[in-house]
Each structure stands twice: as C-alpha cells, then as structure tokens.
Amino acid sequence: MATTKLLKRQKIRYRIRKKITGTSANPRLAIFRSNMEIYAQLIDDVEGKTLASASSKEKDIVAQKVTKVEKSKLVGASIARKAVELGITTCTFDRGGNLFHGRVKSVADGAREGGLKF
C-alpha cells in the first residue's frame, strides 16, 4: 500500500489528538491549513463545541494584500483577540499534523503576541 503525503499527515494528526484535549478553561487551538487559506478554532472537547474561530477569509484580513505567512499571523492575532474577549488566556496548540514552521508557526506567533499562552 502506498503511503501518500495525506495519509502520513492523517496518522500524525491522530497521534497528536490522542495526547491533547481541550476543556472550557484550557481549549484546544486547532489549525487547519489548505493551499490558499488557513483556519484556527478554539475547541472545547469535553462539550464538543467550538468556542471561537478565525480564518484568512475574514473581511479585515482579505482586505490586506499580504503574503500567506503574514495572513497567518493576522489569523493568530484575530483568534487571540476573540479568546481574550471570552476570558480565555491559555490554550493547547494543535498543529493538525502539519510541521511547526511557516504558516502554522506564524499563527502561533500571532496568537502569542495577542495574549494567548500555550
């Protein structure tokens, strides 16, 4: 059986998800990266609810003509701003099976600058 890039990432995702879970006090910051866009969600796994979300498709982020890495940093800042409004200061970072560099790292940096700790 040929292991594709997608299957390898899926296995890594499952391995990560076995170890980390989110609660209402310490939610999981889940990142999804597509070719063009990037999405971030704060998830309470106990209740099974999304507390806040941000993406590179938001109007204020789309309006800025910047690179994908810079957009990712804006997404991180946006999710951090929404989390602070909800009274959330800490979270657990879930890179979604992607390597922690480039756009994924940029989201983490933006969230840290926005006031989230993980």
Protein backbone atom coordinates (compact mmCIF):
# COMPACT_ATOMS: atom_id res chain seq x y z
CA MET A 1 0.00 0.00 0.00
CA ALA A 2 1.40 3.35 -1.00
CA THR A 3 1.51 5.86 1.83
CA THR A 4 0.66 9.24 0.47
CA LYS A 5 1.53 12.57 2.00
CA LEU A 6 -2.10 12.95 3.10
CA LEU A 7 -2.17 9.57 4.86
CA LYS A 8 1.07 10.33 6.68
CA ARG A 9 -0.36 13.65 7.90
CA GLN A 10 -3.57 11.89 8.99
CA LYS A 11 -1.57 9.40 11.09
CA ILE A 12 0.35 12.25 12.71
CA ARG A 13 -2.94 14.08 13.40
CA TYR A 14 -4.39 11.05 15.17
CA ARG A 15 -1.22 10.56 17.21
CA ILE A 16 -1.36 14.20 18.37
CA ARG A 17 -5.09 14.04 19.15
CA LYS A 18 -4.59 11.00 21.41
CA LYS A 19 -2.41 13.13 23.68
CA ILE A 20 -4.15 16.52 23.77
CA THR A 21 -7.71 17.55 24.59
CA GLY A 22 -9.34 20.89 25.20
CA THR A 23 -11.54 22.00 28.09
CA SER A 24 -13.58 25.15 28.54
CA ALA A 25 -10.82 26.65 30.72
CA ASN A 26 -7.96 25.43 28.51
CA PRO A 27 -9.33 24.89 24.97
CA ARG A 28 -7.51 23.31 22.04
CA LEU A 29 -6.28 25.75 19.38
CA ALA A 30 -6.72 23.64 16.23
CA ILE A 31 -5.10 24.77 12.99
CA PHE A 32 -6.21 23.70 9.51
CA ARG A 33 -4.04 24.72 6.57
CA SER A 34 -5.23 24.44 2.99
CA ASN A 35 -3.25 25.53 -0.05
CA MET A 36 -4.70 29.04 -0.09
CA GLU A 37 -6.33 29.64 3.30
CA ILE A 38 -5.68 28.95 6.99
CA TYR A 39 -8.23 28.40 9.73
CA ALA A 40 -7.96 28.41 13.54
CA GLN A 41 -10.52 27.23 16.10
CA LEU A 42 -10.67 27.19 19.88
CA ILE A 43 -12.37 23.90 20.73
CA ASP A 44 -13.80 22.57 24.00
CA ASP A 45 -13.54 18.79 23.50
CA VAL A 46 -15.46 17.98 26.70
CA GLU A 47 -18.61 19.75 25.45
CA GLY A 48 -17.79 19.18 21.79
CA LYS A 49 -18.18 22.87 20.95
CA THR A 50 -16.19 25.47 19.07
CA LEU A 51 -15.69 28.50 21.33
CA ALA A 52 -14.17 30.84 18.73
CA SER A 53 -12.85 30.67 15.20
CA ALA A 54 -10.84 32.79 12.79
CA SER A 55 -9.76 32.34 9.21
CA SER A 56 -7.91 34.10 6.43
CA LYS A 57 -11.29 34.58 4.72
CA GLU A 58 -12.41 37.25 7.24
CA LYS A 59 -13.10 40.61 5.61
CA ASP A 60 -10.46 42.60 7.50
CA ILE A 61 -7.77 40.01 6.66
CA VAL A 62 -8.78 39.61 2.99
CA ALA A 63 -8.68 43.41 2.57
CA GLN A 64 -4.94 43.41 3.32
CA LYS A 65 -2.85 42.34 0.36
CA VAL A 66 -0.05 40.46 2.14
CA THR A 67 1.67 37.09 1.81
CA LYS A 68 0.15 33.86 3.16
CA VAL A 69 2.59 33.82 6.10
CA GLU A 70 1.63 37.38 7.07
CA LYS A 71 -2.07 36.50 6.71
CA SER A 72 -1.49 33.58 9.06
CA LYS A 73 -0.06 35.91 11.68
CA LEU A 74 -3.18 38.08 11.37
CA VAL A 75 -5.36 34.98 11.86
CA GLY A 76 -3.41 34.18 15.04
CA ALA A 77 -3.91 37.72 16.33
CA SER A 78 -7.62 37.53 15.47
CA ILE A 79 -8.19 34.25 17.34
CA ALA A 80 -6.25 35.60 20.34
CA ARG A 81 -8.39 38.76 20.39
CA LYS A 82 -11.58 36.65 20.34
CA ALA A 83 -10.22 34.37 23.09
CA VAL A 84 -9.35 37.30 25.36
CA GLU A 85 -12.90 38.65 24.86
CA LEU A 86 -14.20 35.27 26.08
CA GLY A 87 -11.84 35.40 29.07
CA ILE A 88 -9.52 32.66 27.81
CA THR A 89 -5.80 33.23 28.37
CA THR A 90 -4.34 29.72 27.97
CA CYS A 91 -4.85 27.02 25.37
CA THR A 92 -3.29 23.85 23.99
CA PHE A 93 -1.82 24.14 20.49
CA ASP A 94 -2.85 21.52 17.91
CA ARG A 95 -0.84 21.85 14.70
CA GLY A 96 -3.14 19.44 12.87
CA GLY A 97 -0.40 17.12 11.62
CA ASN A 98 1.47 19.92 9.85
CA LEU A 99 5.09 20.74 10.57
CA PHE A 100 5.59 23.60 13.03
CA HIS A 101 7.11 26.09 10.62
CA GLY A 102 5.94 28.58 8.03
CA ARG A 103 2.25 29.39 8.23
CA VAL A 104 1.50 27.18 11.25
CA LYS A 105 4.30 28.81 13.24
CA SER A 106 3.08 32.22 12.10
CA VAL A 107 -0.40 31.55 13.54
CA ALA A 108 1.20 30.52 16.84
CA ASP A 109 3.35 33.67 16.92
CA GLY A 110 0.34 35.89 16.18
CA ALA A 111 -1.70 34.20 18.93
CA ARG A 112 1.14 34.57 21.45
CA GLU A 113 1.50 38.27 20.61
CA GLY A 114 -2.27 38.64 21.01
CA GLY A 115 -2.10 37.38 24.58
CA LEU A 116 -2.64 33.61 24.44
CA LYS A 117 -0.29 31.31 26.34
CA PHE A 118 0.47 27.72 25.31
